[in-house]
C-alpha atoms as a PDB file:
ATOM      1  CA  MET A   1     -14.765   0.965  -2.470  1.00  0.00           C
ATOM      2  CA  ALA A   2     -12.306   0.328   0.357  1.00  0.00           C
ATOM      3  CA  ALA A   3      -9.331   0.681  -1.991  1.00  0.00           C
ATOM      4  CA  LYS A   4     -10.480   4.158  -3.037  1.00  0.00           C
ATOM      5  CA  TRP A   5     -10.800   5.225   0.607  1.00  0.00           C
ATOM      6  CA  ILE A   6      -7.363   3.803   1.416  1.00  0.00           C
ATOM      7  CA  GLU A   7      -5.828   5.627  -1.569  1.00  0.00           C
ATOM      8  CA  THR A   8      -7.429   8.861  -0.388  1.00  0.00           C
ATOM      9  CA  VAL A   9      -5.689   8.473   2.946  1.00  0.00           C
ATOM     10  CA  ILE A  10      -2.278   7.083   1.964  1.00  0.00           C
ATOM     11  CA  GLY A  11      -1.944   7.852  -1.748  1.00  0.00           C
ATOM     12  CA  SER A  12      -1.947   5.824  -4.933  1.00  0.00           C
ATOM     13  CA  LEU A  13      -1.382   2.111  -4.402  1.00  0.00           C
ATOM     14  CA  GLU A  14      -0.167   1.796  -7.998  1.00  0.00           C
ATOM     15  CA  GLN A  15       2.482   4.440  -7.390  1.00  0.00           C
ATOM     16  CA  LYS A  16       3.618   2.589  -4.283  1.00  0.00           C
ATOM     17  CA  LYS A  17       4.002  -0.551  -6.420  1.00  0.00           C
ATOM     18  CA  GLN A  18       5.925   1.458  -9.024  1.00  0.00           C
ATOM     19  CA  PHE A  19       8.232   2.777  -6.323  1.00  0.00           C
ATOM     20  CA  ARG A  20       8.912  -0.752  -5.054  1.00  0.00           C
ATOM     21  CA  ARG A  21       9.799  -1.813  -8.616  1.00  0.00           C
ATOM     22  CA  TYR A  22      12.070   1.220  -8.919  1.00  0.00           C
ATOM     23  CA  ARG A  23      13.807   0.312  -5.639  1.00  0.00           C
ATOM     24  CA  ALA A  24      14.318  -3.256  -6.881  1.00  0.00           C
ATOM     25  CA  ARG A  25      15.926  -1.903 -10.058  1.00  0.00           C
ATOM     26  CA  ILE A  26      18.343   0.234  -8.041  1.00  0.00           C
ATOM     27  CA  GLY A  27      19.070  -2.679  -5.682  1.00  0.00           C
ATOM     28  CA  ALA A  28      19.972  -4.883  -8.648  1.00  0.00           C
ATOM     29  CA  LEU A  29      22.687  -2.520  -9.894  1.00  0.00           C
ATOM     30  CA  PRO A  30      26.290  -3.676  -9.570  1.00  0.00           C
ATOM     31  CA  GLU A  31      28.711  -1.722  -7.389  1.00  0.00           C
ATOM     32  CA  PRO A  32      29.643   1.142  -7.434  1.00  0.00           C
ATOM     33  CA  TYR A  33      26.449   2.150  -9.287  1.00  0.00           C
ATOM     34  CA  GLU A  34      24.093   0.942  -6.566  1.00  0.00           C
ATOM     35  CA  THR A  35      25.880   2.914  -3.855  1.00  0.00           C
ATOM     36  CA  ALA A  36      26.055   6.076  -5.971  1.00  0.00           C
ATOM     37  CA  ALA A  37      22.409   5.792  -7.046  1.00  0.00           C
ATOM     38  CA  LYS A  38      21.206   5.278  -3.469  1.00  0.00           C
ATOM     39  CA  ALA A  39      23.202   8.269  -2.232  1.00  0.00           C
ATOM     40  CA  LEU A  40      21.811  10.474  -4.993  1.00  0.00           C
ATOM     41  CA  GLU A  41      18.289   9.110  -4.432  1.00  0.00           C
ATOM     42  CA  ARG A  42      18.431  10.158  -0.798  1.00  0.00           C
ATOM     43  CA  TYR A  43      19.470  13.661  -1.785  1.00  0.00           C
ATOM     44  CA  LEU A  44      16.801  13.843  -4.506  1.00  0.00           C
ATOM     45  CA  MET A  45      14.147  12.947  -1.941  1.00  0.00           C
ATOM     46  CA  TYR A  46      15.101  16.075  -0.006  1.00  0.00           C
ATOM     47  CA  CYS A  47      16.056  18.544  -2.711  1.00  0.00           C
ATOM     48  CA  SER A  48      13.387  17.847  -5.322  1.00  0.00           C
ATOM     49  CA  GLY A  49      10.459  18.761  -3.068  1.00  0.00           C
ATOM     50  CA  ILE A  50       8.110  17.012  -5.489  1.00  0.00           C
ATOM     51  CA  THR A  51       4.753  16.071  -3.967  1.00  0.00           C
ATOM     52  CA  ASP A  52       3.023  15.003  -7.183  1.00  0.00           C
ATOM     53  CA  GLY A  53       3.273  11.201  -7.289  1.00  0.00           C
ATOM     54  CA  GLU A  54       3.172  10.947 -11.079  1.00  0.00           C
ATOM     55  CA  THR A  55       6.043  13.413 -11.535  1.00  0.00           C
ATOM     56  CA  PHE A  56       7.946  11.782  -8.673  1.00  0.00           C
ATOM     57  CA  MET A  57       7.712   8.341 -10.280  1.00  0.00           C
ATOM     58  CA  ARG A  58       8.621   9.644 -13.738  1.00  0.00           C
ATOM     59  CA  MET A  59      11.735  11.246 -12.262  1.00  0.00           C
ATOM     60  CA  PHE A  60      12.804   8.089 -10.438  1.00  0.00           C
ATOM     61  CA  ASP A  61      12.055   5.802 -13.391  1.00  0.00           C
ATOM     62  CA  ASP A  62      14.299   8.014 -15.535  1.00  0.00           C
ATOM     63  CA  PHE A  63      16.881   7.967 -12.740  1.00  0.00           C
ATOM     64  CA  ALA A  64      16.876   4.142 -12.724  1.00  0.00           C
ATOM     65  CA  ASP A  65      17.152   4.101 -16.531  1.00  0.00           C
ATOM     66  CA  LEU A  66      20.205   6.374 -16.293  1.00  0.00           C
ATOM     67  CA  TRP A  67      21.985   4.112 -13.804  1.00  0.00           C
ATOM     68  CA  GLU A  68      21.066   0.878 -15.573  1.00  0.00           C
ATOM     69  CA  ARG A  69      22.458   2.251 -18.853  1.00  0.00           C
ATOM     70  CA  ALA A  70      25.602   3.503 -17.088  1.00  0.00           C
ATOM     71  CA  ALA A  71      26.164   0.095 -15.507  1.00  0.00           C
ATOM     72  CA  ALA A  72      25.591  -1.698 -18.819  1.00  0.00           C
ATOM     73  CA  ASP A  73      28.066   0.617 -20.568  1.00  0.00           C
ATOM     74  CA  GLU A  74      30.473   0.550 -17.594  1.00  0.00           C
ATOM     75  CA  THR A  75      30.482   4.349 -17.524  1.00  0.00           C
ATOM     76  CA  PRO A  76      32.491   5.642 -14.555  1.00  0.00           C
ATOM     77  CA  VAL A  77      30.380   7.227 -11.804  1.00  0.00           C
ATOM     78  CA  ARG A  78      32.280  10.527 -12.068  1.00  0.00           C
ATOM     79  CA  ALA A  79      31.523  10.638 -15.803  1.00  0.00           C
ATOM     80  CA  ILE A  80      27.831  10.646 -14.880  1.00  0.00           C
ATOM     81  CA  VAL A  81      27.704  13.000 -11.898  1.00  0.00           C
ATOM     82  CA  GLY A  82      30.791  15.102 -12.623  1.00  0.00           C
ATOM     83  CA  ASP A  83      32.868  16.785  -9.944  1.00  0.00           C
ATOM     84  CA  ASP A  84      29.860  18.188  -8.081  1.00  0.00           C
ATOM     85  CA  PRO A  85      27.230  15.552  -7.266  1.00  0.00           C
ATOM     86  CA  VAL A  86      25.037  18.199  -5.592  1.00  0.00           C
ATOM     87  CA  GLU A  87      24.873  20.225  -8.795  1.00  0.00           C
ATOM     88  CA  PHE A  88      24.119  17.047 -10.761  1.00  0.00           C
ATOM     89  CA  ALA A  89      21.254  16.072  -8.427  1.00  0.00           C
ATOM     90  CA  GLU A  90      19.727  19.545  -8.352  1.00  0.00           C
ATOM     91  CA  THR A  91      19.946  19.915 -12.135  1.00  0.00           C
ATOM     92  CA  PHE A  92      18.406  16.467 -12.566  1.00  0.00           C
ATOM     93  CA  ALA A  93      15.527  17.316 -10.214  1.00  0.00           C
ATOM     94  CA  ALA A  94      14.958  20.710 -11.851  1.00  0.00           C
ATOM     95  CA  ALA A  95      14.104  18.948 -15.109  1.00  0.00           C
ATOM     96  CA  TYR A  96      10.887  17.628 -13.541  1.00  0.00           C
ATOM     97  CA  SER A  97       8.086  20.068 -12.967  1.00  0.00           C
ATOM     98  CA  GLY A  98       5.041  19.285 -10.889  1.00  0.00           C
ATOM     99  CA  LYS A  99       3.637  20.108  -7.496  1.00  0.00           C
ATOM    100  CA  HIS A 100       6.307  20.825  -4.917  1.00  0.00           C
ATOM    101  CA  TRP A 101       5.889  21.063  -1.142  1.00  0.00           C
ATOM    102  CA  ILE A 102       6.942  24.710  -1.237  1.00  0.00           C
ATOM    103  CA  ASP A 103       3.996  25.592  -3.517  1.00  0.00           C
ATOM    104  CA  LYS A 104       1.604  25.175  -0.586  1.00  0.00           C
ATOM    105  CA  GLU A 105       3.736  27.434   1.605  1.00  0.00           C
ATOM    106  CA  ARG A 106       4.010  30.064  -1.131  1.00  0.00           C
ATOM    107  CA  ALA A 107       0.210  30.138  -1.469  1.00  0.00           C
ATOM    108  CA  ARG A 108      -0.146  30.373   2.307  1.00  0.00           C
ATOM    109  CA  LEU A 109       2.283  33.303   2.457  1.00  0.00           C
ATOM    110  CA  ILE A 110       0.544  35.166  -0.370  1.00  0.00           C
ATOM    111  CA  LYS A 111      -2.850  34.694   1.274  1.00  0.00           C
ATOM    112  CA  ALA A 112      -1.566  35.882   4.663  1.00  0.00           C
ATOM    113  CA  ILE A 113       0.009  39.005   3.180  1.00  0.00           C
ATOM    114  CA  ASP A 114      -3.130  39.758   1.128  1.00  0.00           C
ATOM    115  CA  GLU A 115      -5.286  39.428   4.239  1.00  0.00           C
ATOM    116  CA  ALA A 116      -2.907  41.603   6.286  1.00  0.00           C
ATOM    117  CA  ALA A 117      -2.803  44.275   3.577  1.00  0.00           C
ATOM    118  CA  ASP A 118      -6.613  44.359   3.329  1.00  0.00           C
ATOM    119  CA  ALA A 119      -7.087  44.727   7.104  1.00  0.00           C
END
């Protein structure tokens, strides 16, 4: 009973555990993969705008898979991200659909304009 209440307030405990496992996977990468992955992760946190925990974790699990495979194959970082790491990150994030923080603001804007137009 208490766990359900806690999850209502702070979110899924299982997803928090998944995220810790993801972070451990990234932390275990050899250099320069760990540094590159952490830099891209930070950007993905901002640019993806994903608020749906399931989609968020799927994206980051795939992200960890990508970097683990690259490290195992000794693929150069530039061969993964290309010349424009911003474009890479934004294209990667765009592949994952789900609830985004902007969805709430879009709905709020539409409602406000509808109410103003009806007044």
